[in-house]
C-alpha atoms as a PDB file:
ATOM      1  CA  MET A   1       0.100  -0.013   0.061  1.00  0.00           C
ATOM      2  CA  ASN A   2       2.833   2.467   0.892  1.00  0.00           C
ATOM      3  CA  ILE A   3       4.590   1.733  -2.464  1.00  0.00           C
ATOM      4  CA  ARG A   4       1.521   2.576  -4.467  1.00  0.00           C
ATOM      5  CA  LEU A   5       0.846   5.715  -2.534  1.00  0.00           C
ATOM      6  CA  ASN A   6       4.422   6.773  -3.089  1.00  0.00           C
ATOM      7  CA  VAL A   7       4.282   6.248  -6.800  1.00  0.00           C
ATOM      8  CA  PHE A   8       0.908   8.303  -6.956  1.00  0.00           C
ATOM      9  CA  LEU A   9       2.310  11.134  -5.060  1.00  0.00           C
ATOM     10  CA  SER A  10       5.470  11.085  -6.957  1.00  0.00           C
ATOM     11  CA  GLY A  11       3.372  11.524 -10.272  1.00  0.00           C
ATOM     12  CA  ILE A  12       1.597  14.549  -8.716  1.00  0.00           C
ATOM     13  CA  SER A  13       4.893  16.183  -7.604  1.00  0.00           C
ATOM     14  CA  HIS A  14       6.291  15.944 -11.098  1.00  0.00           C
ATOM     15  CA  SER A  15       3.202  17.242 -13.014  1.00  0.00           C
ATOM     16  CA  LYS A  16       4.019  20.766 -12.169  1.00  0.00           C
ATOM     17  CA  TYR A  17       7.113  20.404 -14.371  1.00  0.00           C
ATOM     18  CA  GLN A  18       5.060  19.505 -17.643  1.00  0.00           C
ATOM     19  CA  HIS A  19       4.585  22.104 -20.303  1.00  0.00           C
ATOM     20  CA  GLY A  20       2.574  22.632 -23.589  1.00  0.00           C
ATOM     21  CA  PHE A  21       3.704  24.170 -26.896  1.00  0.00           C
ATOM     22  CA  SER A  22       5.654  27.434 -26.684  1.00  0.00           C
ATOM     23  CA  LEU A  23       4.385  30.444 -28.610  1.00  0.00           C
ATOM     24  CA  ILE A  24       7.225  29.891 -31.240  1.00  0.00           C
ATOM     25  CA  GLU A  25       6.404  26.251 -31.675  1.00  0.00           C
ATOM     26  CA  LEU A  26       2.723  27.171 -32.166  1.00  0.00           C
ATOM     27  CA  MET A  27       3.527  29.791 -34.750  1.00  0.00           C
ATOM     28  CA  ILE A  28       5.769  27.437 -36.602  1.00  0.00           C
ATOM     29  CA  SER A  29       3.078  24.826 -36.688  1.00  0.00           C
ATOM     30  CA  MET A  30       0.502  27.280 -37.913  1.00  0.00           C
ATOM     31  CA  LEU A  31       2.934  28.483 -40.629  1.00  0.00           C
ATOM     32  CA  LEU A  32       3.514  24.858 -41.816  1.00  0.00           C
ATOM     33  CA  GLY A  33      -0.268  24.426 -41.784  1.00  0.00           C
ATOM     34  CA  VAL A  34      -0.678  27.451 -43.952  1.00  0.00           C
ATOM     35  CA  PHE A  35       1.949  26.203 -46.507  1.00  0.00           C
ATOM     36  CA  LEU A  36       0.220  22.797 -46.553  1.00  0.00           C
ATOM     37  CA  ILE A  37      -3.301  24.148 -47.108  1.00  0.00           C
ATOM     38  CA  GLY A  38      -2.105  26.645 -49.725  1.00  0.00           C
ATOM     39  CA  GLY A  39      -0.456  23.732 -51.693  1.00  0.00           C
ATOM     40  CA  LEU A  40      -3.702  21.724 -51.400  1.00  0.00           C
ATOM     41  CA  ILE A  41      -5.697  24.788 -52.754  1.00  0.00           C
ATOM     42  CA  SER A  42      -3.236  25.254 -55.645  1.00  0.00           C
ATOM     43  CA  VAL A  43      -3.549  21.616 -56.543  1.00  0.00           C
ATOM     44  CA  PHE A  44      -7.403  21.908 -56.367  1.00  0.00           C
ATOM     45  CA  ILE A  45      -7.449  25.044 -58.479  1.00  0.00           C
ATOM     46  CA  ALA A  46      -5.137  23.519 -61.150  1.00  0.00           C
ATOM     47  CA  SER A  47      -7.236  20.414 -61.270  1.00  0.00           C
ATOM     48  CA  SER A  48     -10.443  22.391 -61.607  1.00  0.00           C
ATOM     49  CA  GLN A  49      -8.951  24.468 -64.533  1.00  0.00           C
ATOM     50  CA  ASN A  50      -7.660  21.397 -66.161  1.00  0.00           C
ATOM     51  CA  TYR A  51     -11.163  19.692 -65.934  1.00  0.00           C
ATOM     52  CA  ARG A  52     -12.811  22.798 -67.412  1.00  0.00           C
ATOM     53  CA  VAL A  53     -10.422  22.821 -70.408  1.00  0.00           C
ATOM     54  CA  GLN A  54     -10.885  19.172 -70.967  1.00  0.00           C
ATOM     55  CA  GLN A  55     -14.696  19.481 -70.612  1.00  0.00           C
ATOM     56  CA  ALA A  56     -14.639  22.548 -73.247  1.00  0.00           C
ATOM     57  CA  LEU A  57     -12.483  20.664 -75.637  1.00  0.00           C
ATOM     58  CA  THR A  58     -14.816  17.755 -75.544  1.00  0.00           C
ATOM     59  CA  GLN A  59     -17.763  19.966 -76.103  1.00  0.00           C
ATOM     60  CA  VAL A  60     -16.434  21.670 -79.171  1.00  0.00           C
ATOM     61  CA  GLN A  61     -15.124  18.544 -80.740  1.00  0.00           C
ATOM     62  CA  ASP A  62     -18.413  16.689 -80.295  1.00  0.00           C
ATOM     63  CA  LYS A  63     -20.307  19.705 -81.725  1.00  0.00           C
ATOM     64  CA  GLY A  64     -17.949  20.191 -84.679  1.00  0.00           C
ATOM     65  CA  ARG A  65     -17.950  16.461 -85.589  1.00  0.00           C
ATOM     66  CA  PHE A  66     -21.732  16.131 -85.280  1.00  0.00           C
ATOM     67  CA  ALA A  67     -22.324  19.194 -87.446  1.00  0.00           C
ATOM     68  CA  VAL A  68     -19.778  17.965 -90.114  1.00  0.00           C
ATOM     69  CA  LYS A  69     -21.356  14.485 -90.197  1.00  0.00           C
ATOM     70  CA  LYS A  70     -24.986  15.689 -90.568  1.00  0.00           C
ATOM     71  CA  MET A  71     -24.085  18.011 -93.436  1.00  0.00           C
ATOM     72  CA  ARG A  72     -21.961  15.386 -95.243  1.00  0.00           C
ATOM     73  CA  GLU A  73     -24.956  13.069 -95.450  1.00  0.00           C
ATOM     74  CA  ASP A  74     -27.084  15.768 -97.200  1.00  0.00           C
ATOM     75  CA  VAL A  75     -24.391  17.003 -99.533  1.00  0.00           C
ATOM     76  CA  GLN A  76     -23.350  13.531-100.730  1.00  0.00           C
ATOM     77  CA  GLN A  77     -27.177  12.916-101.370  1.00  0.00           C
ATOM     78  CA  ALA A  78     -27.561  16.074-103.321  1.00  0.00           C
ATOM     79  CA  GLY A  79     -28.347  15.670-107.033  1.00  0.00           C
ATOM     80  CA  PHE A  80     -29.808  12.200-106.580  1.00  0.00           C
ATOM     81  CA  ASP A  81     -32.270  11.309-109.420  1.00  0.00           C
ATOM     82  CA  ILE A  82     -32.076  14.713-111.044  1.00  0.00           C
ATOM     83  CA  VAL A  83     -30.569  15.728-114.300  1.00  0.00           C
ATOM     84  CA  PHE A  84     -27.172  17.350-114.529  1.00  0.00           C
ATOM     85  CA  ALA A  85     -28.959  20.507-116.019  1.00  0.00           C
ATOM     86  CA  ASP A  86     -30.547  20.983-112.669  1.00  0.00           C
ATOM     87  CA  VAL A  87     -28.879  22.608-109.642  1.00  0.00           C
ATOM     88  CA  ALA A  88     -27.864  20.130-106.880  1.00  0.00           C
ATOM     89  CA  VAL A  89     -26.606  22.599-104.227  1.00  0.00           C
ATOM     90  CA  GLN A  90     -26.917  26.386-103.953  1.00  0.00           C
ATOM     91  CA  TYR A  91     -25.897  28.939-101.208  1.00  0.00           C
ATOM     92  CA  PHE A  92     -27.735  32.269-100.687  1.00  0.00           C
ATOM     93  CA  PRO A  93     -25.701  34.818 -98.591  1.00  0.00           C
ATOM     94  CA  VAL A  94     -29.017  36.658 -98.034  1.00  0.00           C
ATOM     95  CA  ALA A  95     -32.033  34.360 -98.722  1.00  0.00           C
ATOM     96  CA  GLY A  96     -35.119  35.768-100.309  1.00  0.00           C
ATOM     97  CA  ALA A  97     -38.719  35.042-100.247  1.00  0.00           C
ATOM     98  CA  GLY A  98     -39.689  31.347-100.211  1.00  0.00           C
ATOM     99  CA  SER A  99     -36.395  30.351 -98.555  1.00  0.00           C
ATOM    100  CA  CYS A 100     -35.876  28.365 -95.330  1.00  0.00           C
ATOM    101  CA  ALA A 101     -34.836  31.593 -93.500  1.00  0.00           C
ATOM    102  CA  LEU A 102     -35.636  35.025 -95.087  1.00  0.00           C
ATOM    103  CA  GLY A 103     -32.713  37.413 -94.770  1.00  0.00           C
ATOM    104  CA  LEU A 104     -30.216  34.813 -93.459  1.00  0.00           C
ATOM    105  CA  ALA A 105     -27.395  32.988 -95.114  1.00  0.00           C
ATOM    106  CA  VAL A 106     -28.892  29.629 -96.338  1.00  0.00           C
ATOM    107  CA  PHE A 107     -27.261  26.626 -97.821  1.00  0.00           C
ATOM    108  CA  GLU A 108     -29.632  24.284 -99.846  1.00  0.00           C
ATOM    109  CA  THR A 109     -29.435  20.814-101.365  1.00  0.00           C
ATOM    110  CA  TYR A 110     -31.807  19.297-103.866  1.00  0.00           C
ATOM    111  CA  TRP A 111     -32.638  15.695-104.804  1.00  0.00           C
ATOM    112  CA  THR A 112     -35.702  13.673-105.891  1.00  0.00           C
ATOM    113  CA  GLU A 113     -37.313  11.107-103.723  1.00  0.00           C
ATOM    114  CA  GLY A 114     -40.300   9.032-104.893  1.00  0.00           C
ATOM    115  CA  ALA A 115     -40.877  11.302-107.983  1.00  0.00           C
ATOM    116  CA  VAL A 116     -41.075  14.264-105.493  1.00  0.00           C
ATOM    117  CA  ASP A 117     -38.465  17.001-105.738  1.00  0.00           C
ATOM    118  CA  LYS A 118     -37.039  17.645-102.243  1.00  0.00           C
ATOM    119  CA  ARG A 119     -35.100  20.523-100.685  1.00  0.00           C
ATOM    120  CA  ARG A 120     -33.187  20.484 -97.466  1.00  0.00           C
ATOM    121  CA  CYS A 121     -31.493  23.610 -96.111  1.00  0.00           C
ATOM    122  CA  TYR A 122     -29.080  24.672 -93.397  1.00  0.00           C
ATOM    123  CA  TYR A 123     -28.621  28.095 -91.882  1.00  0.00           C
ATOM    124  CA  LEU A 124     -27.239  29.643 -88.673  1.00  0.00           C
ATOM    125  CA  GLU A 125     -29.590  31.674 -86.440  1.00  0.00           C
ATOM    126  CA  ASN A 126     -28.740  32.840 -82.810  1.00  0.00           C
ATOM    127  CA  ASN A 127     -25.590  30.538 -82.947  1.00  0.00           C
ATOM    128  CA  GLN A 128     -27.644  27.463 -83.628  1.00  0.00           C
ATOM    129  CA  LEU A 129     -27.172  25.353 -86.719  1.00  0.00           C
ATOM    130  CA  LYS A 130     -30.680  24.650 -87.974  1.00  0.00           C
ATOM    131  CA  ARG A 131     -32.088  22.433 -90.789  1.00  0.00           C
ATOM    132  CA  ASN A 132     -35.248  22.425 -92.539  1.00  0.00           C
ATOM    133  CA  GLU A 133     -36.789  20.268 -95.400  1.00  0.00           C
ATOM    134  CA  THR A 134     -39.661  20.809 -97.782  1.00  0.00           C
ATOM    135  CA  ASP A 135     -40.923  20.023-101.274  1.00  0.00           C
ATOM    136  CA  ASP A 136     -38.899  22.015-103.687  1.00  0.00           C
ATOM    137  CA  LEU A 137     -41.863  24.323-104.625  1.00  0.00           C
ATOM    138  CA  ALA A 138     -43.344  24.591-101.171  1.00  0.00           C
ATOM    139  CA  VAL A 139     -42.688  27.450 -98.798  1.00  0.00           C
ATOM    140  CA  PRO A 140     -40.801  25.994 -95.861  1.00  0.00           C
ATOM    141  CA  VAL A 141     -42.513  26.248 -92.510  1.00  0.00           C
ATOM    142  CA  ALA A 142     -40.171  27.908 -90.002  1.00  0.00           C
ATOM    143  CA  ALA A 143     -41.763  25.715 -87.096  1.00  0.00           C
ATOM    144  CA  ASN A 144     -40.600  22.582 -88.824  1.00  0.00           C
ATOM    145  CA  ALA A 145     -36.940  23.557 -88.547  1.00  0.00           C
ATOM    146  CA  ILE A 146     -34.725  21.474 -86.093  1.00  0.00           C
ATOM    147  CA  VAL A 147     -31.672  22.512 -84.245  1.00  0.00           C
ATOM    148  CA  ILE A 148     -28.846  20.342 -85.351  1.00  0.00           C
ATOM    149  CA  ILE A 149     -26.325  21.812 -82.791  1.00  0.00           C
ATOM    150  CA  ASP A 150     -25.816  25.094 -80.875  1.00  0.00           C
ATOM    151  CA  GLY A 151     -22.639  27.022 -80.198  1.00  0.00           C
ATOM    152  CA  ILE A 152     -21.797  27.739 -83.924  1.00  0.00           C
ATOM    153  CA  THR A 153     -20.576  31.336 -84.209  1.00  0.00           C
ATOM    154  CA  GLN A 154     -19.473  31.157 -87.935  1.00  0.00           C
ATOM    155  CA  LEU A 155     -20.531  29.123 -90.817  1.00  0.00           C
ATOM    156  CA  ASP A 156     -19.156  29.579 -94.510  1.00  0.00           C
ATOM    157  CA  PHE A 157     -19.399  27.585 -97.694  1.00  0.00           C
ATOM    158  CA  THR A 158     -17.218  27.482-100.787  1.00  0.00           C
ATOM    159  CA  PHE A 159     -17.495  25.344-103.980  1.00  0.00           C
ATOM    160  CA  ALA A 160     -15.328  23.525-106.472  1.00  0.00           C
ATOM    161  CA  ILE A 161     -16.525  23.244-110.033  1.00  0.00           C
ATOM    162  CA  ASP A 162     -15.824  20.904-113.069  1.00  0.00           C
ATOM    163  CA  LEU A 163     -16.410  22.667-116.291  1.00  0.00           C
ATOM    164  CA  ASP A 164     -15.313  20.025-118.842  1.00  0.00           C
ATOM    165  CA  GLY A 165     -15.531  16.781-116.935  1.00  0.00           C
ATOM    166  CA  GLY A 166     -11.737  16.570-116.522  1.00  0.00           C
ATOM    167  CA  GLY A 167     -11.592  17.204-112.824  1.00  0.00           C
ATOM    168  CA  LEU A 168     -11.896  20.214-110.538  1.00  0.00           C
ATOM    169  CA  ASP A 169     -11.012  23.456-112.310  1.00  0.00           C
ATOM    170  CA  LYS A 170      -9.308  26.758-110.939  1.00  0.00           C
ATOM    171  CA  VAL A 171     -10.936  30.032-111.700  1.00  0.00           C
ATOM    172  CA  ALA A 172      -8.457  33.026-111.459  1.00  0.00           C
ATOM    173  CA  GLY A 173      -6.094  30.655-109.614  1.00  0.00           C
ATOM    174  CA  VAL A 174      -8.782  29.625-107.006  1.00  0.00           C
ATOM    175  CA  THR A 175     -10.237  26.210-106.693  1.00  0.00           C
ATOM    176  CA  TYR A 176     -12.912  26.914-104.143  1.00  0.00           C
ATOM    177  CA  LEU A 177     -15.190  29.714-105.069  1.00  0.00           C
ATOM    178  CA  THR A 178     -17.655  31.753-103.095  1.00  0.00           C
ATOM    179  CA  ALA A 179     -21.271  32.064-104.000  1.00  0.00           C
ATOM    180  CA  ALA A 180     -20.674  35.418-105.664  1.00  0.00           C
ATOM    181  CA  ASP A 181     -18.464  33.518-108.174  1.00  0.00           C
ATOM    182  CA  LEU A 182     -21.234  31.237-109.401  1.00  0.00           C
ATOM    183  CA  ILE A 183     -24.437  31.775-111.505  1.00  0.00           C
ATOM    184  CA  VAL A 184     -27.392  29.590-112.351  1.00  0.00           C
ATOM    185  CA  GLY A 185     -26.497  28.556-115.952  1.00  0.00           C
ATOM    186  CA  ASN A 186     -28.729  27.465-118.803  1.00  0.00           C
ATOM    187  CA  GLY A 187     -28.204  25.915-122.229  1.00  0.00           C
ATOM    188  CA  GLY A 188     -26.808  29.153-123.548  1.00  0.00           C
ATOM    189  CA  THR A 189     -24.176  29.682-120.863  1.00  0.00           C
ATOM    190  CA  PRO A 190     -20.511  29.445-122.167  1.00  0.00           C
ATOM    191  CA  ALA A 191     -18.811  26.205-121.140  1.00  0.00           C
ATOM    192  CA  THR A 192     -16.121  28.348-119.395  1.00  0.00           C
ATOM    193  CA  THR A 193     -18.561  29.979-116.989  1.00  0.00           C
ATOM    194  CA  ALA A 194     -18.653  28.899-113.312  1.00  0.00           C
ATOM    195  CA  THR A 195     -22.196  27.805-112.711  1.00  0.00           C
ATOM    196  CA  TRP A 196     -24.028  26.024-109.775  1.00  0.00           C
ATOM    197  CA  GLN A 197     -24.693  23.144-112.159  1.00  0.00           C
ATOM    198  CA  SER A 198     -20.849  22.508-112.441  1.00  0.00           C
ATOM    199  CA  VAL A 199     -20.486  22.333-108.681  1.00  0.00           C
ATOM    200  CA  ARG A 200     -18.697  19.046-107.715  1.00  0.00           C
ATOM    201  CA  ALA A 201     -17.610  19.576-104.151  1.00  0.00           C
ATOM    202  CA  VAL A 202     -18.534  21.715-101.189  1.00  0.00           C
ATOM    203  CA  ARG A 203     -16.227  22.998 -98.454  1.00  0.00           C
ATOM    204  CA  VAL A 204     -17.843  24.021 -95.154  1.00  0.00           C
ATOM    205  CA  GLU A 205     -15.923  26.056 -92.554  1.00  0.00           C
ATOM    206  CA  MET A 206     -17.226  26.754 -89.163  1.00  0.00           C
ATOM    207  CA  ILE A 207     -16.072  27.992 -85.733  1.00  0.00           C
ATOM    208  CA  VAL A 208     -17.554  26.279 -82.665  1.00  0.00           C
ATOM    209  CA  VAL A 209     -17.530  27.505 -79.124  1.00  0.00           C
ATOM    210  CA  SER A 210     -17.841  25.594 -75.886  1.00  0.00           C
ATOM    211  CA  ASP A 211     -20.637  25.864 -73.313  1.00  0.00           C
ATOM    212  CA  THR A 212     -18.089  25.852 -70.462  1.00  0.00           C
ATOM    213  CA  GLY A 213     -16.736  29.316 -69.577  1.00  0.00           C
ATOM    214  CA  ASN A 214     -13.540  30.630 -67.824  1.00  0.00           C
ATOM    215  CA  VAL A 215     -11.486  28.254 -69.984  1.00  0.00           C
ATOM    216  CA  THR A 216      -8.946  30.820 -71.267  1.00  0.00           C
ATOM    217  CA  THR A 217      -7.290  33.688 -69.480  1.00  0.00           C
ATOM    218  CA  ALA A 218      -7.892  36.146 -72.449  1.00  0.00           C
ATOM    219  CA  GLU A 219     -10.205  36.533 -75.356  1.00  0.00           C
ATOM    220  CA  GLN A 220      -9.236  33.867 -77.845  1.00  0.00           C
ATOM    221  CA  VAL A 221      -7.941  34.801 -81.282  1.00  0.00           C
ATOM    222  CA  LEU A 222      -7.835  32.222 -84.163  1.00  0.00           C
ATOM    223  CA  VAL A 223      -5.241  33.462 -86.535  1.00  0.00           C
ATOM    224  CA  ASN A 224      -6.484  33.055 -90.094  1.00  0.00           C
ATOM    225  CA  PRO A 225      -8.202  29.745 -89.192  1.00  0.00           C
ATOM    226  CA  PHE A 226      -9.323  28.951 -92.809  1.00  0.00           C
ATOM    227  CA  GLY A 227      -6.202  30.111 -94.655  1.00  0.00           C
ATOM    228  CA  LYS A 228      -7.916  33.032 -96.290  1.00  0.00           C
ATOM    229  CA  ASN A 229      -5.955  35.261 -98.677  1.00  0.00           C
ATOM    230  CA  PRO A 230      -5.748  37.949 -97.507  1.00  0.00           C
ATOM    231  CA  ALA A 231      -5.583  36.571 -94.043  1.00  0.00           C
ATOM    232  CA  VAL A 232      -8.721  36.947 -91.824  1.00  0.00           C
ATOM    233  CA  ASN A 233      -8.480  36.417 -88.169  1.00  0.00           C
ATOM    234  CA  PHE A 234     -11.309  35.414 -85.750  1.00  0.00           C
ATOM    235  CA  ASN A 235     -11.546  37.404 -82.476  1.00  0.00           C
ATOM    236  CA  ALA A 236     -13.668  36.146 -79.690  1.00  0.00           C
ATOM    237  CA  PRO A 237     -16.209  38.820 -78.272  1.00  0.00           C
ATOM    238  CA  ALA A 238     -14.849  40.937 -75.175  1.00  0.00           C
ATOM    239  CA  ASP A 239     -14.804  39.121 -71.860  1.00  0.00           C
ATOM    240  CA  ASP A 240     -15.695  35.826 -73.513  1.00  0.00           C
ATOM    241  CA  LEU A 241     -13.416  33.185 -72.120  1.00  0.00           C
ATOM    242  CA  ARG A 242     -14.897  30.191 -73.611  1.00  0.00           C
ATOM    243  CA  LEU A 243     -13.034  27.923 -75.976  1.00  0.00           C
ATOM    244  CA  TYR A 244     -13.308  28.358 -79.706  1.00  0.00           C
ATOM    245  CA  GLN A 245     -12.155  25.885 -82.396  1.00  0.00           C
ATOM    246  CA  ALA A 246     -12.243  25.975 -86.128  1.00  0.00           C
ATOM    247  CA  PHE A 247     -13.578  23.015 -88.246  1.00  0.00           C
ATOM    248  CA  SER A 248     -13.230  22.586 -91.967  1.00  0.00           C
ATOM    249  CA  ALA A 249     -14.513  19.662 -94.114  1.00  0.00           C
ATOM    250  CA  THR A 250     -14.767  18.991 -97.813  1.00  0.00           C
ATOM    251  CA  TYR A 251     -17.622  16.926 -99.294  1.00  0.00           C
ATOM    252  CA  ALA A 252     -17.913  15.533-102.874  1.00  0.00           C
ATOM    253  CA  LEU A 253     -21.295  15.463-104.629  1.00  0.00           C
ATOM    254  CA  ARG A 254     -21.287  11.745-105.334  1.00  0.00           C
ATOM    255  CA  ASN A 255     -24.331  12.068-107.790  1.00  0.00           C
ATOM    256  CA  ARG A 256     -22.434  14.719-109.782  1.00  0.00           C
ATOM    257  CA  ILE A 257     -19.088  12.949-110.247  1.00  0.00           C
ATOM    258  CA  GLU A 258     -18.911  11.512-113.797  1.00  0.00           C
END
């Protein structure tokens, strides 16, 4: 009993000499904690930014590929079961009455299906790529238009022609012509004239933007994305930090290749 009591009393007598952390030790510990938390926050921010970039890249690539695929199907079908003297594709920089979208730029394809002349058109409205379809002579119903994809900020078409059946021709040194370079020909049109009937390939160029924001640190600039001569750059709107990407695809009119 005396031994146990002595041990207990000895523990009490030595407890007065025990101490906690000193102020300096506490400050050092806090500083180390701050560095550790700061490192974790930096890793989190970097991971979040990388995730946004990857998400934005996936969005623009999915949109671009889908838009290219849908238009390829229609361009390759253009001219089916209609004579060479008829137009298979046509582009209107400012579409008139009876078009799919009055006053907008409209690209149209034509073919025959079950003895019925068909027309399908693409146009850009409010950054949405839309498509509509109708019988050739019917006035399209705007409510029937469907949205193919959104996030398209620019859409352009150029056209390659074959005047003599010997392959694609150049006009003034240029293979792919704008709509302004082409006319609707007829039986009296000179064989050297670039007409819509002589179009054999279509090149589509578009700029797609991501839904995800805060991807870039400054407004994006695409330097001459389509190789225009003279060079034409694309500049994102002010304070728009989304990701922009250019897409270009060339389609052959299968039903017009001799």
